[in-house]
Amino acid sequence: MRKTSSPSRLLVIERLLPPGSEPALDAVMKDIEMLVMLGSRERTEAEYRALFEQADFRMVQAIPLQDGLHLLESQPA
């Protein structure tokens, strides 16, 4: 039996904060809501890259979608 190797990918759909921006009131309110309800917060693309790296993944690309959402594609490092 021939084993084929296909690269694994992790896809995440998230809203990205703009890099280097001061947190706007809307972003702060969303952070508080996410922290209280889910134990999470909004992040920049750089913060997601660092988060993926901690989990031994490498972020390949961030594709803009509608309504400020992005598709984050990563692969095992």
PDB file of N, CA and C in Angstrom:
ATOM      1  N   MET A   1       0.838  -1.179   0.000  1.00  0.00           N
ATOM      2  CA  MET A   1       0.000   0.000   0.000  1.00  0.00           C
ATOM      3  C   MET A   1       0.885   1.244   0.000  1.00  0.00           C
ATOM      4  N   ARG A   2       0.588   2.164  -0.901  1.00  0.00           N
ATOM      5  CA  ARG A   2       1.363   3.390  -1.035  1.00  0.00           C
ATOM      6  C   ARG A   2       0.818   4.466  -0.101  1.00  0.00           C
ATOM      7  N   LYS A   3       1.694   5.030   0.664  1.00  0.00           N
ATOM      8  CA  LYS A   3       1.286   6.084   1.593  1.00  0.00           C
ATOM      9  C   LYS A   3       1.500   7.433   0.924  1.00  0.00           C
ATOM     10  N   THR A   4       0.448   8.222   0.874  1.00  0.00           N
ATOM     11  CA  THR A   4       0.572   9.573   0.324  1.00  0.00           C
ATOM     12  C   THR A   4       0.634  10.557   1.471  1.00  0.00           C
ATOM     13  N   SER A   5       1.465  11.542   1.306  1.00  0.00           N
ATOM     14  CA  SER A   5       1.542  12.554   2.357  1.00  0.00           C
ATOM     15  C   SER A   5       0.936  13.845   1.828  1.00  0.00           C
ATOM     16  N   SER A   6      -0.065  14.283   2.509  1.00  0.00           N
ATOM     17  CA  SER A   6      -0.662  15.568   2.164  1.00  0.00           C
ATOM     18  C   SER A   6      -0.412  16.505   3.333  1.00  0.00           C
ATOM     19  N   PRO A   7       0.001  17.724   3.041  1.00  0.00           N
ATOM     20  CA  PRO A   7       0.308  18.649   4.127  1.00  0.00           C
ATOM     21  C   PRO A   7      -0.953  18.985   4.926  1.00  0.00           C
ATOM     22  N   SER A   8      -0.819  18.951   6.229  1.00  0.00           N
ATOM     23  CA  SER A   8      -1.922  19.344   7.107  1.00  0.00           C
ATOM     24  C   SER A   8      -2.009  20.854   7.147  1.00  0.00           C
ATOM     25  N   ARG A   9      -3.211  21.348   7.333  1.00  0.00           N
ATOM     26  CA  ARG A   9      -3.420  22.789   7.465  1.00  0.00           C
ATOM     27  C   ARG A   9      -4.395  23.039   8.603  1.00  0.00           C
ATOM     28  N   LEU A  10      -4.195  24.143   9.286  1.00  0.00           N
ATOM     29  CA  LEU A  10      -5.122  24.604  10.300  1.00  0.00           C
ATOM     30  C   LEU A  10      -5.702  25.910   9.785  1.00  0.00           C
ATOM     31  N   LEU A  11      -7.025  25.968   9.659  1.00  0.00           N
ATOM     32  CA  LEU A  11      -7.697  27.169   9.174  1.00  0.00           C
ATOM     33  C   LEU A  11      -8.497  27.782  10.316  1.00  0.00           C
ATOM     34  N   VAL A  12      -8.330  29.079  10.507  1.00  0.00           N
ATOM     35  CA  VAL A  12      -9.020  29.802  11.573  1.00  0.00           C
ATOM     36  C   VAL A  12      -9.643  31.044  10.952  1.00  0.00           C
ATOM     37  N   ILE A  13     -10.902  31.303  11.267  1.00  0.00           N
ATOM     38  CA  ILE A  13     -11.551  32.536  10.820  1.00  0.00           C
ATOM     39  C   ILE A  13     -11.672  33.445  12.029  1.00  0.00           C
ATOM     40  N   GLU A  14     -11.046  34.606  11.946  1.00  0.00           N
ATOM     41  CA  GLU A  14     -11.011  35.550  13.060  1.00  0.00           C
ATOM     42  C   GLU A  14     -11.002  36.979  12.566  1.00  0.00           C
ATOM     43  N   ARG A  15     -11.378  37.873  13.447  1.00  0.00           N
ATOM     44  CA  ARG A  15     -11.265  39.309  13.198  1.00  0.00           C
ATOM     45  C   ARG A  15      -9.876  39.733  13.666  1.00  0.00           C
ATOM     46  N   LEU A  16      -9.136  40.456  12.833  1.00  0.00           N
ATOM     47  CA  LEU A  16      -7.794  40.905  13.190  1.00  0.00           C
ATOM     48  C   LEU A  16      -7.818  42.383  13.555  1.00  0.00           C
ATOM     49  N   LEU A  17      -7.105  42.727  14.608  1.00  0.00           N
ATOM     50  CA  LEU A  17      -6.913  44.128  14.940  1.00  0.00           C
ATOM     51  C   LEU A  17      -5.826  44.684  14.027  1.00  0.00           C
ATOM     52  N   PRO A  18      -5.920  45.948  13.635  1.00  0.00           N
ATOM     53  CA  PRO A  18      -4.854  46.541  12.816  1.00  0.00           C
ATOM     54  C   PRO A  18      -3.544  46.587  13.608  1.00  0.00           C
ATOM     55  N   PRO A  19      -2.402  46.387  12.942  1.00  0.00           N
ATOM     56  CA  PRO A  19      -1.120  46.398  13.649  1.00  0.00           C
ATOM     57  C   PRO A  19      -0.781  47.781  14.180  1.00  0.00           C
ATOM     58  N   GLY A  20      -0.224  47.812  15.390  1.00  0.00           N
ATOM     59  CA  GLY A  20       0.268  49.054  15.969  1.00  0.00           C
ATOM     60  C   GLY A  20      -0.774  50.103  16.273  1.00  0.00           C
ATOM     61  N   SER A  21      -2.031  49.747  16.240  1.00  0.00           N
ATOM     62  CA  SER A  21      -3.057  50.751  16.496  1.00  0.00           C
ATOM     63  C   SER A  21      -3.395  50.804  17.975  1.00  0.00           C
ATOM     64  N   GLU A  22      -3.805  51.961  18.397  1.00  0.00           N
ATOM     65  CA  GLU A  22      -4.301  52.094  19.760  1.00  0.00           C
ATOM     66  C   GLU A  22      -5.652  51.409  19.815  1.00  0.00           C
ATOM     67  N   PRO A  23      -5.929  50.682  20.878  1.00  0.00           N
ATOM     68  CA  PRO A  23      -7.219  50.004  20.958  1.00  0.00           C
ATOM     69  C   PRO A  23      -8.376  51.005  20.925  1.00  0.00           C
ATOM     70  N   ALA A  24      -9.252  50.837  19.964  1.00  0.00           N
ATOM     71  CA  ALA A  24     -10.445  51.675  19.869  1.00  0.00           C
ATOM     72  C   ALA A  24     -11.451  51.190  20.895  1.00  0.00           C
ATOM     73  N   LEU A  25     -12.394  52.032  21.247  1.00  0.00           N
ATOM     74  CA  LEU A  25     -13.403  51.675  22.237  1.00  0.00           C
ATOM     75  C   LEU A  25     -14.137  50.404  21.829  1.00  0.00           C
ATOM     76  N   ASP A  26     -14.453  50.267  20.542  1.00  0.00           N
ATOM     77  CA  ASP A  26     -15.150  49.082  20.055  1.00  0.00           C
ATOM     78  C   ASP A  26     -14.313  47.827  20.308  1.00  0.00           C
ATOM     79  N   ALA A  27     -13.018  47.895  20.031  1.00  0.00           N
ATOM     80  CA  ALA A  27     -12.136  46.744  20.236  1.00  0.00           C
ATOM     81  C   ALA A  27     -12.015  46.412  21.724  1.00  0.00           C
ATOM     82  N   VAL A  28     -11.932  47.434  22.556  1.00  0.00           N
ATOM     83  CA  VAL A  28     -11.834  47.216  24.002  1.00  0.00           C
ATOM     84  C   VAL A  28     -13.101  46.541  24.515  1.00  0.00           C
ATOM     85  N   MET A  29     -14.260  46.987  24.037  1.00  0.00           N
ATOM     86  CA  MET A  29     -15.523  46.388  24.463  1.00  0.00           C
ATOM     87  C   MET A  29     -15.611  44.932  24.004  1.00  0.00           C
ATOM     88  N   LYS A  30     -15.168  44.644  22.789  1.00  0.00           N
ATOM     89  CA  LYS A  30     -15.172  43.264  22.299  1.00  0.00           C
ATOM     90  C   LYS A  30     -14.204  42.408  23.120  1.00  0.00           C
ATOM     91  N   ASP A  31     -13.035  42.976  23.482  1.00  0.00           N
ATOM     92  CA  ASP A  31     -12.082  42.255  24.322  1.00  0.00           C
ATOM     93  C   ASP A  31     -12.705  41.881  25.664  1.00  0.00           C
ATOM     94  N   ILE A  32     -13.389  42.832  26.277  1.00  0.00           N
ATOM     95  CA  ILE A  32     -14.019  42.582  27.574  1.00  0.00           C
ATOM     96  C   ILE A  32     -15.090  41.506  27.437  1.00  0.00           C
ATOM     97  N   GLU A  33     -15.903  41.614  26.385  1.00  0.00           N
ATOM     98  CA  GLU A  33     -16.946  40.617  26.151  1.00  0.00           C
ATOM     99  C   GLU A  33     -16.338  39.230  25.950  1.00  0.00           C
ATOM    100  N   MET A  34     -15.297  39.146  25.121  1.00  0.00           N
ATOM    101  CA  MET A  34     -14.666  37.851  24.851  1.00  0.00           C
ATOM    102  C   MET A  34     -13.979  37.301  26.103  1.00  0.00           C
ATOM    103  N   LEU A  35     -13.355  38.184  26.888  1.00  0.00           N
ATOM    104  CA  LEU A  35     -12.670  37.753  28.094  1.00  0.00           C
ATOM    105  C   LEU A  35     -13.662  37.178  29.097  1.00  0.00           C
ATOM    106  N   VAL A  36     -14.780  37.871  29.294  1.00  0.00           N
ATOM    107  CA  VAL A  36     -15.783  37.429  30.261  1.00  0.00           C
ATOM    108  C   VAL A  36     -16.462  36.147  29.799  1.00  0.00           C
ATOM    109  N   MET A  37     -16.838  36.083  28.525  1.00  0.00           N
ATOM    110  CA  MET A  37     -17.611  34.944  28.034  1.00  0.00           C
ATOM    111  C   MET A  37     -16.749  33.752  27.628  1.00  0.00           C
ATOM    112  N   LEU A  38     -15.569  34.016  27.074  1.00  0.00           N
ATOM    113  CA  LEU A  38     -14.776  32.938  26.479  1.00  0.00           C
ATOM    114  C   LEU A  38     -13.348  32.827  27.014  1.00  0.00           C
ATOM    115  N   GLY A  39     -12.911  33.781  27.816  1.00  0.00           N
ATOM    116  CA  GLY A  39     -11.533  33.768  28.292  1.00  0.00           C
ATOM    117  C   GLY A  39     -10.545  34.105  27.192  1.00  0.00           C
ATOM    118  N   SER A  40     -10.952  34.920  26.216  1.00  0.00           N
ATOM    119  CA  SER A  40     -10.121  35.231  25.060  1.00  0.00           C
ATOM    120  C   SER A  40     -10.098  36.736  24.818  1.00  0.00           C
ATOM    121  N   ARG A  41      -9.459  37.155  23.713  1.00  0.00           N
ATOM    122  CA  ARG A  41      -9.403  38.577  23.356  1.00  0.00           C
ATOM    123  C   ARG A  41      -9.118  38.715  21.868  1.00  0.00           C
ATOM    124  N   GLU A  42      -9.276  39.933  21.346  1.00  0.00           N
ATOM    125  CA  GLU A  42      -8.942  40.229  19.958  1.00  0.00           C
ATOM    126  C   GLU A  42      -7.422  40.304  19.830  1.00  0.00           C
ATOM    127  N   ARG A  43      -6.889  39.936  18.645  1.00  0.00           N
ATOM    128  CA  ARG A  43      -5.441  39.931  18.429  1.00  0.00           C
ATOM    129  C   ARG A  43      -5.100  40.516  17.060  1.00  0.00           C
ATOM    130  N   THR A  44      -3.842  40.956  16.931  1.00  0.00           N
ATOM    131  CA  THR A  44      -3.325  41.403  15.642  1.00  0.00           C
ATOM    132  C   THR A  44      -2.805  40.181  14.888  1.00  0.00           C
ATOM    133  N   GLU A  45      -2.476  40.372  13.610  1.00  0.00           N
ATOM    134  CA  GLU A  45      -1.899  39.271  12.824  1.00  0.00           C
ATOM    135  C   GLU A  45      -0.591  38.786  13.451  1.00  0.00           C
ATOM    136  N   ALA A  46       0.233  39.712  13.904  1.00  0.00           N
ATOM    137  CA  ALA A  46       1.507  39.342  14.530  1.00  0.00           C
ATOM    138  C   ALA A  46       1.278  38.508  15.794  1.00  0.00           C
ATOM    139  N   GLU A  47       0.255  38.854  16.567  1.00  0.00           N
ATOM    140  CA  GLU A  47      -0.041  38.082  17.777  1.00  0.00           C
ATOM    141  C   GLU A  47      -0.523  36.665  17.423  1.00  0.00           C
ATOM    142  N   TYR A  48      -1.302  36.540  16.336  1.00  0.00           N
ATOM    143  CA  TYR A  48      -1.717  35.205  15.898  1.00  0.00           C
ATOM    144  C   TYR A  48      -0.522  34.394  15.412  1.00  0.00           C
ATOM    145  N   ARG A  49       0.397  35.040  14.689  1.00  0.00           N
ATOM    146  CA  ARG A  49       1.603  34.330  14.242  1.00  0.00           C
ATOM    147  C   ARG A  49       2.366  33.773  15.445  1.00  0.00           C
ATOM    148  N   ALA A  50       2.524  34.584  16.478  1.00  0.00           N
ATOM    149  CA  ALA A  50       3.228  34.154  17.690  1.00  0.00           C
ATOM    150  C   ALA A  50       2.463  33.025  18.391  1.00  0.00           C
ATOM    151  N   LEU A  51       1.154  33.120  18.420  1.00  0.00           N
ATOM    152  CA  LEU A  51       0.325  32.079  19.039  1.00  0.00           C
ATOM    153  C   LEU A  51       0.471  30.756  18.292  1.00  0.00           C
ATOM    154  N   PHE A  52       0.430  30.820  16.950  1.00  0.00           N
ATOM    155  CA  PHE A  52       0.620  29.603  16.152  1.00  0.00           C
ATOM    156  C   PHE A  52       2.010  29.014  16.395  1.00  0.00           C
ATOM    157  N   GLU A  53       3.039  29.866  16.462  1.00  0.00           N
ATOM    158  CA  GLU A  53       4.400  29.385  16.681  1.00  0.00           C
ATOM    159  C   GLU A  53       4.531  28.664  18.020  1.00  0.00           C
ATOM    160  N   GLN A  54       3.839  29.150  19.042  1.00  0.00           N
ATOM    161  CA  GLN A  54       3.868  28.487  20.348  1.00  0.00           C
ATOM    162  C   GLN A  54       3.289  27.078  20.255  1.00  0.00           C
ATOM    163  N   ALA A  55       2.390  26.867  19.302  1.00  0.00           N
ATOM    164  CA  ALA A  55       1.768  25.555  19.107  1.00  0.00           C
ATOM    165  C   ALA A  55       2.468  24.757  18.003  1.00  0.00           C
ATOM    166  N   ASP A  56       3.680  25.177  17.617  1.00  0.00           N
ATOM    167  CA  ASP A  56       4.467  24.521  16.566  1.00  0.00           C
ATOM    168  C   ASP A  56       3.782  24.549  15.204  1.00  0.00           C
ATOM    169  N   PHE A  57       3.137  25.673  14.906  1.00  0.00           N
ATOM    170  CA  PHE A  57       2.557  25.910  13.584  1.00  0.00           C
ATOM    171  C   PHE A  57       3.203  27.145  12.985  1.00  0.00           C
ATOM    172  N   ARG A  58       3.143  27.234  11.672  1.00  0.00           N
ATOM    173  CA  ARG A  58       3.674  28.394  10.947  1.00  0.00           C
ATOM    174  C   ARG A  58       2.522  28.994  10.155  1.00  0.00           C
ATOM    175  N   MET A  59       2.238  30.278  10.389  1.00  0.00           N
ATOM    176  CA  MET A  59       1.154  30.923   9.665  1.00  0.00           C
ATOM    177  C   MET A  59       1.600  31.191   8.234  1.00  0.00           C
ATOM    178  N   VAL A  60       0.824  30.690   7.274  1.00  0.00           N
ATOM    179  CA  VAL A  60       1.152  30.800   5.862  1.00  0.00           C
ATOM    180  C   VAL A  60       0.610  32.096   5.282  1.00  0.00           C
ATOM    181  N   GLN A  61      -0.657  32.397   5.591  1.00  0.00           N
ATOM    182  CA  GLN A  61      -1.262  33.608   5.046  1.00  0.00           C
ATOM    183  C   GLN A  61      -2.496  34.004   5.835  1.00  0.00           C
ATOM    184  N   ALA A  62      -2.867  35.279   5.696  1.00  0.00           N
ATOM    185  CA  ALA A  62      -4.100  35.816   6.262  1.00  0.00           C
ATOM    186  C   ALA A  62      -4.889  36.404   5.095  1.00  0.00           C
ATOM    187  N   ILE A  63      -6.016  35.795   4.786  1.00  0.00           N
ATOM    188  CA  ILE A  63      -6.829  36.200   3.641  1.00  0.00           C
ATOM    189  C   ILE A  63      -8.019  37.022   4.135  1.00  0.00           C
ATOM    190  N   PRO A  64      -8.138  38.286   3.697  1.00  0.00           N
ATOM    191  CA  PRO A  64      -9.281  39.101   4.118  1.00  0.00           C
ATOM    192  C   PRO A  64     -10.596  38.530   3.573  1.00  0.00           C
ATOM    193  N   LEU A  65     -11.598  38.497   4.434  1.00  0.00           N
ATOM    194  CA  LEU A  65     -12.947  38.083   4.058  1.00  0.00           C
ATOM    195  C   LEU A  65     -13.876  39.279   4.227  1.00  0.00           C
ATOM    196  N   GLN A  66     -15.146  39.035   4.333  1.00  0.00           N
ATOM    197  CA  GLN A  66     -16.110  40.122   4.526  1.00  0.00           C
ATOM    198  C   GLN A  66     -16.194  40.522   5.998  1.00  0.00           C
ATOM    199  N   ASP A  67     -16.669  41.738   6.220  1.00  0.00           N
ATOM    200  CA  ASP A  67     -16.973  42.247   7.563  1.00  0.00           C
ATOM    201  C   ASP A  67     -15.785  42.228   8.512  1.00  0.00           C
ATOM    202  N   GLY A  68     -14.580  42.436   7.998  1.00  0.00           N
ATOM    203  CA  GLY A  68     -13.394  42.521   8.840  1.00  0.00           C
ATOM    204  C   GLY A  68     -12.826  41.191   9.295  1.00  0.00           C
ATOM    205  N   LEU A  69     -13.391  40.100   8.832  1.00  0.00           N
ATOM    206  CA  LEU A  69     -12.883  38.778   9.196  1.00  0.00           C
ATOM    207  C   LEU A  69     -11.737  38.381   8.272  1.00  0.00           C
ATOM    208  N   HIS A  70     -10.883  37.480   8.762  1.00  0.00           N
ATOM    209  CA  HIS A  70      -9.760  36.961   7.985  1.00  0.00           C
ATOM    210  C   HIS A  70      -9.711  35.448   8.125  1.00  0.00           C
ATOM    211  N   LEU A  71      -9.294  34.782   7.059  1.00  0.00           N
ATOM    212  CA  LEU A  71      -9.023  33.352   7.103  1.00  0.00           C
ATOM    213  C   LEU A  71      -7.533  33.212   7.329  1.00  0.00           C
ATOM    214  N   LEU A  72      -7.152  32.649   8.471  1.00  0.00           N
ATOM    215  CA  LEU A  72      -5.752  32.453   8.815  1.00  0.00           C
ATOM    216  C   LEU A  72      -5.388  31.009   8.496  1.00  0.00           C
ATOM    217  N   GLU A  73      -4.427  30.834   7.591  1.00  0.00           N
ATOM    218  CA  GLU A  73      -3.980  29.503   7.211  1.00  0.00           C
ATOM    219  C   GLU A  73      -2.617  29.233   7.837  1.00  0.00           C
ATOM    220  N   SER A  74      -2.501  28.097   8.508  1.00  0.00           N
ATOM    221  CA  SER A  74      -1.216  27.728   9.093  1.00  0.00           C
ATOM    222  C   SER A  74      -0.954  26.252   8.842  1.00  0.00           C
ATOM    223  N   GLN A  75       0.315  25.878   8.974  1.00  0.00           N
ATOM    224  CA  GLN A  75       0.751  24.491   8.780  1.00  0.00           C
ATOM    225  C   GLN A  75       1.678  24.114   9.924  1.00  0.00           C
ATOM    226  N   PRO A  76       1.798  22.819  10.199  1.00  0.00           N
ATOM    227  CA  PRO A  76       2.761  22.399  11.220  1.00  0.00           C
ATOM    228  C   PRO A  76       4.163  22.878  10.845  1.00  0.00           C
ATOM    229  N   ALA A  77       4.900  23.338  11.843  1.00  0.00           N
ATOM    230  CA  ALA A  77       6.256  23.870  11.592  1.00  0.00           C
ATOM    231  C   ALA A  77       7.231  22.748  11.285  1.00  0.00           C
TER     232      ALA A  77
END
